[in-house]
Amino acid sequence: MISVLRHPAYRALFGAQVVALTGTGLTTVALGLLAHDLAGAEAGVVLGTALAIKMIAYVAVAPVATAVLGALPRRAVLVALNLVRAGVAVVLPWAGEVWQVYALIFLLQAGSAAFTPLFQATIPDVLPDEREYTRAITLSRMAYDLESLLSPALAAAALAVVSFHELFLGTALGFGGAALLVLSAVVPRPEVVPRRGYDATTRGMRAYLATAQLRGLLAVHFTAAAAGSMVFVNTVAHVRDGLGRDASDVALALAANGVGSLVAACALPRLLDRYPDRVVVLRAAVTLAGVLGLGAFLAGSWPVLLVLWALIGAGCSFALTPGARLLRRSADGPDRPALFAADFALSHVCWLVCYPLAGWVATAAGIVTAFVVLGVLTAVGAGVAFVLWPRTEKLNSQVAGFAEYGFRTLPAKEFHSCDCAAKSSLPRADRS
């Protein structure tokens, strides 16, 4: 898997991602402490609002920023956005009012909403080979999982010698280091197709929603959001109040989820070499629904809860990671940022819906009801994805329909060859 790191450009970009993720992890801890410092007992309200602001920024900013910045030199834009995020992180410790925190969080997350789709769309240009790209997105998933496991420990170690204000400085240094690494990478410059106004800002979203396999991918995003929200929203209350365990067990439960995701990511490249993306993703989605169904009956046991949380982490990894391959195949280089931005925004709409729903249902009706409701939503999402995501032999017409929005798609033949391990057993469409 790490063989893809022999490519100097990708090695620099992956290093930038790791360094930036480390800084982001420090911000997560520091922001909680800053909220408590400013709001005291109402810190949870501040953090909840900050999370909502983050999601709103992701949904609203990503398509617009991609339309505005997509025609500019890619490397310069990525460097500038990292520097913007570093600047916001430097200012955050000086926030003396809650509204100031909200404003700075919006700026920080708007920078991330602009950066992430452009960054994701750059990786296929650096690694055009399908197998290498698969290993690259797997490494990316592993980096996210390791960050969630290691950043709290790193922050705790730092807090032993500095105050939480200095953690924001660590975040700024992370973004600054990421900017330097991106600057050192030789990034291809795709041909720019100039577009303006409504067409530029909405074409990615319109094309995404008009294409069956991508609508199926959106249903998978909803499935993963419903299952993942059960973990991220309800773990604290269920472990502390429902099971009567201490705070360290909360961290252990979340770590089990991260370990499950990490193990699945390690297995993904070989699995995708053998089976079509559709098979892996849809089976994972169905498994997530089954795990939540079991949770309604078995989550009262602490050891079983750890297993369930690990299975949800693995299921989300199996379900979400291959989606980048489908996005890569759906458009050529100049058009990919718009498509990645649409996926980024729409997937976070799913989380914006599921996060509060998971909390409200668990608070109002109990954890068992939350498992049932979110399990039903997960099953519905998996069923919709199964119906919408066409089998490989139907992709030819879907690719042709995608071109209606001006996207230069990869030939349908490449969809067939990329989405099947046993290539000789599937029909092959002619290059159009």
Protein backbone atom coordinates (compact mmCIF):
# COMPACT_ATOMS: atom_id res chain seq x y z
CA MET A 1 0.00 0.00 0.00
CA ILE A 2 2.74 2.45 0.92
CA SER A 3 4.32 1.87 -2.49
CA VAL A 4 2.36 4.90 -3.77
CA LEU A 5 4.58 7.08 -1.58
CA ARG A 6 7.39 6.57 -4.06
CA HIS A 7 5.73 9.26 -6.19
CA PRO A 8 7.29 12.54 -5.00
CA ALA A 9 4.23 14.70 -5.71
CA TYR A 10 1.84 12.36 -3.93
CA ARG A 11 4.28 11.90 -1.06
CA ALA A 12 4.32 15.65 -0.51
CA LEU A 13 0.52 15.92 -0.75
CA PHE A 14 -0.01 13.02 1.64
CA GLY A 15 2.47 14.57 4.07
CA ALA A 16 0.53 17.83 3.84
CA GLN A 17 -2.67 15.99 4.67
CA VAL A 18 -1.16 14.26 7.69
CA VAL A 19 0.34 17.46 9.08
CA ALA A 20 -2.89 19.40 8.55
CA LEU A 21 -4.94 16.64 10.18
CA THR A 22 -2.69 16.74 13.23
CA GLY A 23 -3.29 20.45 13.53
CA THR A 24 -7.03 19.97 13.10
CA GLY A 25 -7.05 17.37 15.88
CA LEU A 26 -5.38 19.83 18.24
CA THR A 27 -8.04 22.41 17.36
CA THR A 28 -10.82 20.00 18.30
CA VAL A 29 -9.44 19.67 21.83
CA ALA A 30 -8.50 23.33 22.17
CA LEU A 31 -11.90 24.51 20.94
CA GLY A 32 -13.67 22.52 23.64
CA LEU A 33 -11.46 24.06 26.30
CA LEU A 34 -11.94 27.55 24.85
CA ALA A 35 -15.71 27.07 24.84
CA HIS A 36 -15.62 26.06 28.50
CA ASP A 37 -13.43 29.05 29.29
CA LEU A 38 -15.91 31.44 27.68
CA ALA A 39 -19.27 29.81 28.39
CA GLY A 40 -18.71 27.59 31.45
CA ALA A 41 -21.63 25.20 31.91
CA GLU A 42 -23.03 26.18 28.51
CA ALA A 43 -19.92 24.98 26.69
CA GLY A 44 -21.90 22.13 25.15
CA VAL A 45 -24.26 24.62 23.49
CA VAL A 46 -21.28 26.52 22.09
CA LEU A 47 -19.69 23.36 20.73
CA GLY A 48 -22.96 22.13 19.26
CA THR A 49 -23.45 25.46 17.51
CA ALA A 50 -19.85 25.40 16.28
CA LEU A 51 -20.46 21.93 14.81
CA ALA A 52 -23.59 23.19 13.06
CA ILE A 53 -21.63 26.17 11.69
CA LYS A 54 -18.98 23.75 10.42
CA MET A 55 -21.56 21.71 8.53
CA ILE A 56 -23.29 24.79 7.12
CA ALA A 57 -19.95 26.12 5.88
CA TYR A 58 -19.17 22.79 4.26
CA VAL A 59 -22.53 22.64 2.48
CA ALA A 60 -22.74 26.28 1.39
CA VAL A 61 -19.12 27.16 0.61
CA ALA A 62 -17.70 24.11 -1.20
CA PRO A 63 -19.56 24.44 -4.56
CA VAL A 64 -19.17 28.23 -4.70
CA ALA A 65 -15.50 28.22 -3.74
CA THR A 66 -14.73 25.51 -6.29
CA ALA A 67 -16.45 27.51 -9.03
CA VAL A 68 -14.53 30.66 -8.10
CA LEU A 69 -11.13 29.08 -7.49
CA GLY A 70 -11.22 26.19 -9.95
CA ALA A 71 -9.80 28.24 -12.84
CA LEU A 72 -6.80 29.41 -10.81
CA PRO A 73 -3.46 27.54 -10.56
CA ARG A 74 -4.25 24.55 -8.33
CA ARG A 75 -1.07 24.51 -6.25
CA ALA A 76 -1.18 28.23 -5.51
CA VAL A 77 -4.81 27.98 -4.38
CA LEU A 78 -4.10 25.02 -2.07
CA VAL A 79 -1.14 26.83 -0.51
CA ALA A 80 -3.16 30.02 -0.02
CA LEU A 81 -6.06 28.18 1.61
CA ASN A 82 -3.71 26.48 4.07
CA LEU A 83 -2.24 29.87 4.95
CA VAL A 84 -5.73 31.29 5.48
CA ARG A 85 -6.56 28.45 7.85
CA ALA A 86 -3.28 28.98 9.68
CA GLY A 87 -4.09 32.67 10.10
CA VAL A 88 -7.52 31.93 11.55
CA ALA A 89 -6.01 29.41 13.99
CA VAL A 90 -3.54 32.04 15.22
CA VAL A 91 -6.38 34.47 15.94
CA LEU A 92 -8.70 31.97 17.71
CA PRO A 93 -7.00 32.15 21.16
CA TRP A 94 -7.70 35.89 21.20
CA ALA A 95 -11.45 35.44 20.87
CA GLY A 96 -13.07 36.96 23.95
CA GLU A 97 -16.72 36.53 23.02
CA VAL A 98 -18.72 33.53 21.89
CA TRP A 99 -19.83 35.27 18.68
CA GLN A 100 -16.19 35.83 17.80
CA VAL A 101 -15.57 32.11 18.14
CA TYR A 102 -18.50 31.41 15.82
CA ALA A 103 -17.21 33.87 13.21
CA LEU A 104 -13.68 32.44 13.29
CA ILE A 105 -14.96 28.86 13.15
CA PHE A 106 -16.96 29.75 10.04
CA LEU A 107 -13.86 31.24 8.40
CA LEU A 108 -11.77 28.21 9.35
CA GLN A 109 -14.31 25.72 8.07
CA ALA A 110 -14.98 27.77 4.94
CA GLY A 111 -11.27 27.45 4.20
CA SER A 112 -11.53 23.70 4.69
CA ALA A 113 -14.64 23.54 2.49
CA ALA A 114 -12.73 25.27 -0.30
CA PHE A 115 -9.54 23.28 0.23
CA THR A 116 -10.77 19.71 0.57
CA PRO A 117 -12.58 19.17 -2.78
CA LEU A 118 -9.73 20.79 -4.72
CA PHE A 119 -7.22 18.65 -2.85
CA GLN A 120 -9.24 15.48 -3.44
CA ALA A 121 -9.62 16.27 -7.13
CA THR A 122 -5.85 16.77 -7.45
CA ILE A 123 -4.90 13.25 -6.33
CA PRO A 124 -6.30 11.51 -9.47
CA ASP A 125 -4.21 13.87 -11.61
CA VAL A 126 -1.09 12.94 -9.65
CA LEU A 127 -1.91 9.21 -9.62
CA PRO A 128 -3.83 8.39 -12.82
CA ASP A 129 -3.43 4.62 -12.36
CA GLU A 130 -6.56 3.08 -10.78
CA ARG A 131 -4.74 0.68 -8.46
CA GLU A 132 -2.38 3.35 -7.19
CA TYR A 133 -5.26 5.76 -6.68
CA THR A 134 -7.12 3.11 -4.66
CA ARG A 135 -4.14 2.74 -2.36
CA ALA A 136 -3.85 6.50 -2.07
CA ILE A 137 -7.45 6.97 -0.91
CA THR A 138 -6.97 4.06 1.48
CA LEU A 139 -3.93 5.78 3.00
CA SER A 140 -6.02 8.93 3.28
CA ARG A 141 -8.72 7.05 5.18
CA MET A 142 -6.11 5.54 7.47
CA ALA A 143 -4.69 9.00 8.13
CA TYR A 144 -8.12 10.23 9.24
CA ASP A 145 -8.60 7.22 11.50
CA LEU A 146 -5.16 7.52 13.08
CA GLU A 147 -5.72 11.23 13.65
CA SER A 148 -8.92 10.52 15.58
CA LEU A 149 -7.05 7.98 17.72
CA LEU A 150 -3.78 9.84 18.28
CA SER A 151 -4.67 13.54 18.35
CA PRO A 152 -6.35 13.43 21.80
CA ALA A 153 -3.24 11.75 23.23
CA LEU A 154 -0.99 14.30 21.53
CA ALA A 155 -3.11 17.14 22.86
CA ALA A 156 -3.04 15.68 26.37
CA ALA A 157 0.75 15.44 26.22
CA ALA A 158 1.01 19.04 25.02
CA LEU A 159 -1.36 20.28 27.73
CA ALA A 160 0.99 18.84 30.33
CA VAL A 161 3.50 21.58 29.47
CA VAL A 162 1.49 24.40 27.81
CA SER A 163 -1.96 25.97 28.08
CA PHE A 164 -4.73 25.17 25.65
CA HIS A 165 -4.13 28.48 23.87
CA GLU A 166 -0.83 27.12 22.58
CA LEU A 167 -2.69 24.21 20.95
CA PHE A 168 -4.06 26.70 18.43
CA LEU A 169 -0.48 27.64 17.63
CA GLY A 170 0.16 23.95 16.93
CA THR A 171 -2.79 24.03 14.54
CA ALA A 172 -1.36 27.05 12.74
CA LEU A 173 2.01 25.34 12.46
CA GLY A 174 0.28 22.28 11.01
CA PHE A 175 -1.45 24.29 8.31
CA GLY A 176 1.74 26.22 7.63
CA GLY A 177 3.69 22.97 7.26
CA ALA A 178 0.99 21.64 4.95
CA ALA A 179 1.33 24.77 2.80
CA LEU A 180 5.09 24.21 2.47
CA LEU A 181 4.61 20.56 1.51
CA VAL A 182 2.00 21.41 -1.13
CA LEU A 183 4.33 24.09 -2.45
CA SER A 184 7.04 21.46 -2.90
CA ALA A 185 4.77 19.17 -4.96
CA VAL A 186 4.68 19.25 -8.74
CA VAL A 187 0.95 19.33 -9.36
CA PRO A 188 -0.42 18.89 -12.91
CA ARG A 189 -2.39 21.83 -14.26
CA PRO A 190 -5.56 20.51 -15.92
CA GLU A 191 -6.99 22.40 -18.84
CA VAL A 192 -9.34 25.10 -17.57
CA VAL A 193 -12.86 25.27 -18.99
CA PRO A 194 -14.08 28.81 -18.16
CA ARG A 195 -17.62 29.05 -16.79
CA ARG A 196 -19.38 31.75 -14.83
CA GLY A 197 -22.34 32.47 -12.61
CA TYR A 198 -25.10 29.96 -12.06
CA ASP A 199 -23.61 27.37 -14.40
CA ALA A 200 -20.24 27.41 -12.65
CA THR A 201 -21.61 27.13 -9.13
CA THR A 202 -24.34 24.55 -9.71
CA ARG A 203 -23.22 22.35 -12.60
CA GLY A 204 -21.43 19.90 -10.34
CA MET A 205 -24.47 19.55 -8.09
CA ARG A 206 -26.88 19.26 -11.05
CA ALA A 207 -24.77 16.64 -12.77
CA TYR A 208 -24.29 14.70 -9.53
CA LEU A 209 -28.01 14.56 -8.78
CA ALA A 210 -28.91 13.72 -12.38
CA THR A 211 -26.64 10.68 -12.51
CA ALA A 212 -27.98 7.39 -11.17
CA GLN A 213 -24.76 5.89 -9.80
CA LEU A 214 -23.95 9.13 -7.97
CA ARG A 215 -27.44 9.36 -6.52
CA GLY A 216 -26.78 5.83 -5.29
CA LEU A 217 -23.53 7.05 -3.75
CA LEU A 218 -25.44 9.84 -1.99
CA ALA A 219 -27.79 7.24 -0.50
CA VAL A 220 -24.69 5.41 0.77
CA HIS A 221 -23.50 8.66 2.36
CA PHE A 222 -26.83 8.92 4.15
CA THR A 223 -26.54 5.32 5.33
CA ALA A 224 -23.07 5.94 6.76
CA ALA A 225 -24.16 9.22 8.35
CA ALA A 226 -27.10 7.54 10.11
CA ALA A 227 -24.88 4.76 11.46
CA GLY A 228 -21.94 7.01 12.30
CA SER A 229 -24.12 9.55 14.10
CA MET A 230 -25.17 6.82 16.50
CA VAL A 231 -21.53 6.50 17.53
CA PHE A 232 -20.41 10.12 17.52
CA VAL A 233 -23.50 11.61 19.17
CA ASN A 234 -24.66 8.97 21.65
CA THR A 235 -21.49 7.27 22.87
CA VAL A 236 -20.89 9.63 25.81
CA ALA A 237 -24.42 9.48 27.22
CA HIS A 238 -24.85 5.74 26.70
CA VAL A 239 -21.49 4.74 28.15
CA ARG A 240 -21.66 7.09 31.14
CA ASP A 241 -25.37 7.00 31.97
CA GLY A 242 -26.68 3.87 30.29
CA LEU A 243 -23.82 1.54 31.19
CA GLY A 244 -22.52 3.43 34.23
CA ARG A 245 -18.90 3.44 33.11
CA ASP A 246 -16.27 6.15 33.52
CA ALA A 247 -14.89 8.73 31.10
CA SER A 248 -11.95 6.59 30.02
CA ASP A 249 -14.40 4.02 28.67
CA VAL A 250 -15.94 6.69 26.45
CA ALA A 251 -12.54 7.14 24.84
CA LEU A 252 -12.18 3.36 24.56
CA ALA A 253 -15.53 3.02 22.78
CA LEU A 254 -14.64 5.73 20.29
CA ALA A 255 -11.23 4.12 19.82
CA ALA A 256 -12.96 0.81 18.99
CA ASN A 257 -14.84 2.58 16.22
CA GLY A 258 -11.60 4.05 14.89
CA VAL A 259 -9.79 0.72 15.02
CA GLY A 260 -12.61 -0.95 13.09
CA SER A 261 -12.37 1.70 10.39
CA LEU A 262 -8.59 1.39 10.28
CA VAL A 263 -8.65 -2.40 9.88
CA ALA A 264 -11.22 -2.13 7.10
CA ALA A 265 -9.12 0.47 5.30
CA CYS A 266 -6.14 -1.88 5.36
CA ALA A 267 -8.22 -4.62 3.75
CA LEU A 268 -9.85 -2.44 1.10
CA PRO A 269 -7.22 -2.39 -1.68
CA ARG A 270 -7.12 -6.16 -2.05
CA LEU A 271 -10.87 -6.38 -1.70
CA LEU A 272 -11.41 -3.83 -4.47
CA ASP A 273 -8.95 -5.71 -6.65
CA ARG A 274 -11.26 -8.73 -6.46
CA TYR A 275 -14.78 -7.29 -6.35
CA PRO A 276 -16.64 -4.40 -8.04
CA ASP A 277 -17.08 -1.23 -6.00
CA ARG A 278 -20.85 -1.66 -6.07
CA VAL A 279 -20.66 -5.05 -4.38
CA VAL A 280 -18.31 -3.89 -1.62
CA VAL A 281 -20.17 -0.66 -0.92
CA LEU A 282 -23.71 -2.04 -0.92
CA ARG A 283 -22.85 -5.04 1.22
CA ALA A 284 -21.22 -2.70 3.71
CA ALA A 285 -24.34 -0.52 3.75
CA VAL A 286 -26.58 -3.52 4.42
CA THR A 287 -24.21 -4.67 7.16
CA LEU A 288 -24.45 -1.28 8.87
CA ALA A 289 -28.23 -1.60 9.01
CA GLY A 290 -27.89 -5.07 10.52
CA VAL A 291 -25.40 -3.89 13.14
CA LEU A 292 -27.76 -1.13 14.31
CA GLY A 293 -30.57 -3.64 14.45
CA LEU A 294 -28.47 -5.86 16.71
CA GLY A 295 -27.63 -2.84 18.82
CA ALA A 296 -31.26 -2.41 19.81
CA PHE A 297 -31.04 -5.80 21.58
CA LEU A 298 -27.40 -6.12 22.61
CA ALA A 299 -26.01 -2.65 23.34
CA GLY A 300 -26.63 -3.06 27.06
CA SER A 301 -23.48 -5.20 27.22
CA TRP A 302 -20.18 -3.30 27.38
CA PRO A 303 -18.07 -5.88 25.47
CA VAL A 304 -20.77 -6.21 22.80
CA LEU A 305 -20.95 -2.43 22.45
CA LEU A 306 -17.23 -2.33 21.67
CA VAL A 307 -17.73 -4.93 18.95
CA LEU A 308 -20.74 -3.08 17.52
CA TRP A 309 -18.84 0.21 17.44
CA ALA A 310 -15.89 -1.46 15.71
CA LEU A 311 -18.24 -3.00 13.13
CA ILE A 312 -19.84 0.39 12.46
CA GLY A 313 -16.37 1.88 11.93
CA ALA A 314 -15.46 -0.92 9.52
CA GLY A 315 -18.78 -0.68 7.70
CA CYS A 316 -18.46 3.08 7.20
CA SER A 317 -14.93 2.66 5.88
CA PHE A 318 -15.99 -0.05 3.41
CA ALA A 319 -19.02 2.00 2.34
CA LEU A 320 -17.44 5.43 1.93
CA THR A 321 -13.85 4.99 0.77
CA PRO A 322 -14.59 3.48 -2.68
CA GLY A 323 -16.82 6.46 -3.48
CA ALA A 324 -13.76 8.49 -4.47
CA ARG A 325 -13.07 5.96 -7.24
CA LEU A 326 -16.54 6.48 -8.67
CA LEU A 327 -16.09 10.27 -8.60
CA ARG A 328 -12.71 9.93 -10.30
CA ARG A 329 -14.21 7.92 -13.15
CA SER A 330 -17.19 10.20 -13.59
CA ALA A 331 -15.33 13.23 -14.96
CA ASP A 332 -12.08 14.25 -16.56
CA GLY A 333 -9.44 16.41 -14.84
CA PRO A 334 -10.86 19.93 -15.39
CA ASP A 335 -14.32 18.88 -14.24
CA ARG A 336 -13.41 16.81 -11.19
CA PRO A 337 -13.28 19.68 -8.65
CA ALA A 338 -16.95 20.53 -9.29
CA LEU A 339 -17.93 16.90 -8.81
CA PHE A 340 -15.86 16.42 -5.67
CA ALA A 341 -17.31 19.68 -4.29
CA ALA A 342 -20.85 18.45 -4.93
CA ASP A 343 -20.11 15.17 -3.18
CA PHE A 344 -18.45 17.01 -0.28
CA ALA A 345 -21.44 19.33 0.20
CA LEU A 346 -24.17 16.72 -0.24
CA SER A 347 -22.50 14.18 2.04
CA HIS A 348 -22.34 16.77 4.79
CA VAL A 349 -26.04 17.53 4.32
CA CYS A 350 -26.56 13.90 5.36
CA TRP A 351 -24.50 14.41 8.51
CA LEU A 352 -26.27 17.71 9.22
CA VAL A 353 -29.58 15.82 9.24
CA CYS A 354 -28.41 12.75 11.15
CA TYR A 355 -26.36 14.40 13.90
CA PRO A 356 -29.25 16.22 15.62
CA LEU A 357 -31.70 13.40 14.85
CA ALA A 358 -29.51 10.88 16.68
CA GLY A 359 -29.33 13.11 19.74
CA TRP A 360 -32.98 14.08 19.81
CA VAL A 361 -34.29 10.53 19.49
CA ALA A 362 -31.91 9.13 22.12
CA THR A 363 -32.76 11.94 24.56
CA ALA A 364 -36.51 11.82 24.04
CA ALA A 365 -37.13 8.09 23.64
CA GLY A 366 -34.03 6.24 24.85
CA ILE A 367 -31.06 4.52 23.32
CA VAL A 368 -33.00 1.45 22.11
CA THR A 369 -35.38 3.64 20.11
CA ALA A 370 -32.41 5.52 18.69
CA PHE A 371 -30.91 2.24 17.48
CA VAL A 372 -34.22 1.28 15.87
CA VAL A 373 -34.86 4.64 14.18
CA LEU A 374 -31.33 5.06 12.88
CA GLY A 375 -31.25 1.40 11.88
CA VAL A 376 -34.40 1.86 9.81
CA LEU A 377 -32.92 4.96 8.16
CA THR A 378 -29.72 3.05 7.45
CA ALA A 379 -31.69 0.21 5.88
CA VAL A 380 -33.73 2.65 3.77
CA GLY A 381 -30.53 4.33 2.56
CA ALA A 382 -29.01 0.96 1.65
CA GLY A 383 -32.16 -0.03 -0.23
CA VAL A 384 -32.28 3.23 -2.17
CA ALA A 385 -28.59 2.87 -3.06
CA PHE A 386 -29.19 -0.68 -4.31
CA VAL A 387 -32.00 0.54 -6.58
CA LEU A 388 -30.27 3.68 -7.88
CA TRP A 389 -26.70 2.46 -8.38
CA PRO A 390 -26.82 0.64 -11.74
CA ARG A 391 -24.99 -2.57 -12.38
CA THR A 392 -21.89 -2.37 -14.56
CA GLU A 393 -23.66 -3.34 -17.76
CA LYS A 394 -25.97 -0.32 -17.40
CA LEU A 395 -23.21 2.25 -16.96
CA ASN A 396 -22.84 3.05 -20.65
CA SER A 397 -26.10 4.99 -20.82
CA GLN A 398 -25.37 6.67 -17.48
CA VAL A 399 -22.02 7.97 -18.70
CA ALA A 400 -23.61 9.33 -21.84
CA GLY A 401 -26.25 11.13 -19.78
CA PHE A 402 -23.59 12.72 -17.59
CA ALA A 403 -22.13 14.54 -20.58
CA GLU A 404 -25.37 16.58 -20.82
CA TYR A 405 -23.93 18.93 -18.20
CA GLY A 406 -20.73 19.54 -20.12
CA PHE A 407 -18.60 17.06 -18.19
CA ARG A 408 -15.90 15.24 -20.10
CA THR A 409 -16.33 11.76 -18.69
CA LEU A 410 -13.93 8.89 -18.86
CA PRO A 411 -14.98 6.49 -21.62
CA ALA A 412 -17.61 3.97 -20.52
CA LYS A 413 -15.10 1.22 -21.31
CA GLU A 414 -12.96 2.46 -18.44
CA PHE A 415 -15.92 2.30 -16.09
CA HIS A 416 -16.25 -1.37 -16.94
CA SER A 417 -12.58 -2.17 -16.59
CA CYS A 418 -12.18 -0.22 -13.38
CA ASP A 419 -15.26 -1.53 -11.61
CA CYS A 420 -14.68 -5.22 -12.01
CA ALA A 421 -12.00 -7.55 -10.73
CA ALA A 422 -12.90 -10.39 -13.11
CA LYS A 423 -12.70 -8.14 -16.16
CA SER A 424 -13.14 -10.82 -18.75
CA SER A 425 -16.49 -11.92 -17.32
CA LEU A 426 -18.32 -8.63 -17.87
CA PRO A 427 -19.58 -7.03 -21.09
CA ARG A 428 -17.39 -4.23 -22.44
CA ALA A 429 -18.82 -1.08 -23.96
CA ASP A 430 -17.24 0.48 -27.03
CA ARG A 431 -15.21 3.63 -26.58
CA SER A 432 -17.43 6.56 -27.53
